């Protein structure tokens, strides 16, 4: 793996660390200022303010046991992508637990200072929504 590919993977880890700490602002800082989140969980989020609100909503859902695995990280010039498998547990109204799994494709852009930030995150669930 190239150093740049590892740097791209590290952005995913920085996001995961911030999410674990329930820090929506730090999650948002892993995105470009004009970034996007495209998700079946919420309406699309565009820009830092909307991305932070989306993260706050996800954090408020009180997901447990969040797990991310980077399946692929590819860098080509100033653009990169990661394919990430995710899972997390949610408590249901009856007290039972539901495990949500899916995949996320992140498009990242190299910033002028050489760091990487996510520009687009597109989430896709492996399981249908609960009724």
Protein backbone atom coordinates (compact mmCIF):
# COMPACT_ATOMS: atom_id res chain seq x y z
CA UNK A 1 0.00 0.00 0.00
CA UNK A 2 1.32 3.42 -0.89
CA UNK A 3 1.76 6.16 1.71
CA UNK A 4 -1.04 8.13 0.05
CA UNK A 5 -3.41 5.15 0.24
CA UNK A 6 -2.58 4.79 3.94
CA UNK A 7 -3.24 8.52 4.42
CA UNK A 8 -6.65 8.05 2.79
CA UNK A 9 -7.42 5.09 5.09
CA UNK A 10 -6.38 7.26 8.04
CA UNK A 11 -9.18 9.73 7.20
CA UNK A 12 -11.68 6.91 7.73
CA UNK A 13 -10.06 6.13 11.07
CA UNK A 14 -10.15 9.79 12.11
CA UNK A 15 -13.87 9.86 11.29
CA UNK A 16 -14.46 6.64 13.25
CA UNK A 17 -12.55 7.98 16.27
CA UNK A 18 -14.61 11.19 16.24
CA UNK A 19 -17.87 9.24 15.89
CA UNK A 20 -16.93 6.99 18.81
CA UNK A 21 -16.38 10.13 20.91
CA UNK A 22 -19.79 11.42 19.72
CA UNK A 23 -18.10 14.51 18.29
CA UNK A 24 -20.16 15.64 15.29
CA UNK A 25 -17.92 18.63 14.66
CA UNK A 26 -14.79 16.47 14.46
CA UNK A 27 -16.62 14.06 12.12
CA UNK A 28 -17.49 17.04 9.92
CA UNK A 29 -13.88 18.23 9.85
CA UNK A 30 -12.95 15.08 7.90
CA UNK A 31 -15.03 16.49 4.98
CA UNK A 32 -14.34 19.25 2.50
CA UNK A 33 -16.26 22.50 3.15
CA UNK A 34 -18.53 21.74 0.16
CA UNK A 35 -18.72 17.98 0.78
CA UNK A 36 -21.74 15.71 0.41
CA UNK A 37 -23.33 12.84 2.31
CA UNK A 38 -25.75 10.76 0.25
CA UNK A 39 -27.61 8.33 2.46
CA UNK A 40 -30.84 6.41 2.68
CA UNK A 41 -30.89 7.30 6.42
CA UNK A 42 -31.35 11.05 5.91
CA UNK A 43 -31.86 13.56 3.13
CA UNK A 44 -28.66 14.50 1.33
CA UNK A 45 -26.34 16.79 3.24
CA UNK A 46 -24.27 19.38 1.38
CA UNK A 47 -21.72 21.61 3.11
CA UNK A 48 -20.31 21.58 6.62
CA UNK A 49 -23.43 22.82 8.40
CA UNK A 50 -25.66 20.11 6.89
CA UNK A 51 -22.97 17.45 7.34
CA UNK A 52 -22.63 18.34 11.02
CA UNK A 53 -26.41 18.17 11.49
CA UNK A 54 -26.44 14.73 9.85
CA UNK A 55 -23.72 13.53 12.19
CA UNK A 56 -25.61 14.90 15.20
CA UNK A 57 -28.69 12.93 14.11
CA UNK A 58 -26.63 9.75 13.68
CA UNK A 59 -25.01 10.23 17.09
CA UNK A 60 -28.42 10.85 18.67
CA UNK A 61 -29.59 7.48 17.29
CA UNK A 62 -27.28 5.97 19.95
CA UNK A 63 -25.68 3.40 17.70
CA UNK A 64 -23.48 0.90 19.54
CA UNK A 65 -20.58 -1.28 18.45
CA UNK A 66 -19.77 0.76 15.32
CA UNK A 67 -17.32 -1.16 13.19
CA UNK A 68 -15.66 -0.02 9.96
CA UNK A 69 -13.44 -2.03 7.64
CA UNK A 70 -11.71 -0.37 4.70
CA UNK A 71 -12.05 -2.92 1.90
CA UNK A 72 -10.22 -0.85 -0.71
CA UNK A 73 -8.32 2.43 -0.83
CA UNK A 74 -7.18 3.79 -4.20
CA UNK A 75 -5.36 7.04 -4.95
CA UNK A 76 -5.06 8.60 -8.39
CA UNK A 77 -3.44 12.02 -8.33
CA UNK A 78 -5.44 14.42 -6.17
CA UNK A 79 -8.51 12.16 -6.00
CA UNK A 80 -9.00 8.93 -4.09
CA UNK A 81 -11.75 6.60 -3.04
CA UNK A 82 -12.36 4.16 -0.25
CA UNK A 83 -14.83 1.32 -0.09
CA UNK A 84 -15.81 0.76 3.53
CA UNK A 85 -17.96 -1.95 5.12
CA UNK A 86 -19.83 -0.78 8.21
CA UNK A 87 -21.98 -2.24 10.95
CA UNK A 88 -23.60 -0.99 14.11
CA UNK A 89 -26.22 -2.04 16.64
CA UNK A 90 -29.44 -0.17 17.40
CA UNK A 91 -31.81 -0.90 20.26
CA UNK A 92 -35.42 -1.28 19.17
CA UNK A 93 -38.52 -0.13 21.04
CA UNK A 94 -39.13 -3.68 22.34
CA UNK A 95 -35.61 -3.76 23.83
CA UNK A 96 -34.16 -6.08 21.20
CA UNK A 97 -31.11 -5.13 19.15
CA UNK A 98 -30.88 -4.76 15.39
CA UNK A 99 -27.55 -4.85 13.55
CA UNK A 100 -27.37 -2.57 10.53
CA UNK A 101 -24.74 -3.43 7.92
CA UNK A 102 -23.77 -1.81 4.65
CA UNK A 103 -21.11 -0.33 2.45
CA UNK A 104 -19.95 3.23 1.97
CA UNK A 105 -18.03 4.68 -0.95
CA UNK A 106 -16.06 7.82 -0.09
CA UNK A 107 -14.51 10.08 -2.69
CA UNK A 108 -11.64 12.08 -1.22
CA UNK A 109 -9.76 15.14 -2.44
CA UNK A 110 -6.19 16.07 -1.62
CA UNK A 111 -6.17 19.49 0.03
CA UNK A 112 -3.68 22.28 -0.79
CA UNK A 113 -1.73 21.40 2.38
CA UNK A 114 -1.37 17.77 1.17
CA UNK A 115 -3.92 16.26 3.57
CA UNK A 116 -6.98 14.33 2.42
CA UNK A 117 -10.64 15.07 3.12
CA UNK A 118 -13.80 13.26 2.15
CA UNK A 119 -15.79 15.08 -0.48
CA UNK A 120 -18.60 12.59 -1.11
CA UNK A 121 -19.84 9.77 1.10
CA UNK A 122 -22.49 7.49 -0.33
CA UNK A 123 -23.97 4.93 2.08
CA UNK A 124 -25.80 1.79 1.00
CA UNK A 125 -27.49 -0.56 3.46
CA UNK A 126 -27.19 -4.35 3.12
CA UNK A 127 -30.50 -4.74 4.91
CA UNK A 128 -33.94 -3.26 4.30
CA UNK A 129 -35.23 -0.63 6.75
CA UNK A 130 -37.23 -1.95 9.67
CA UNK A 131 -40.98 -1.46 9.39
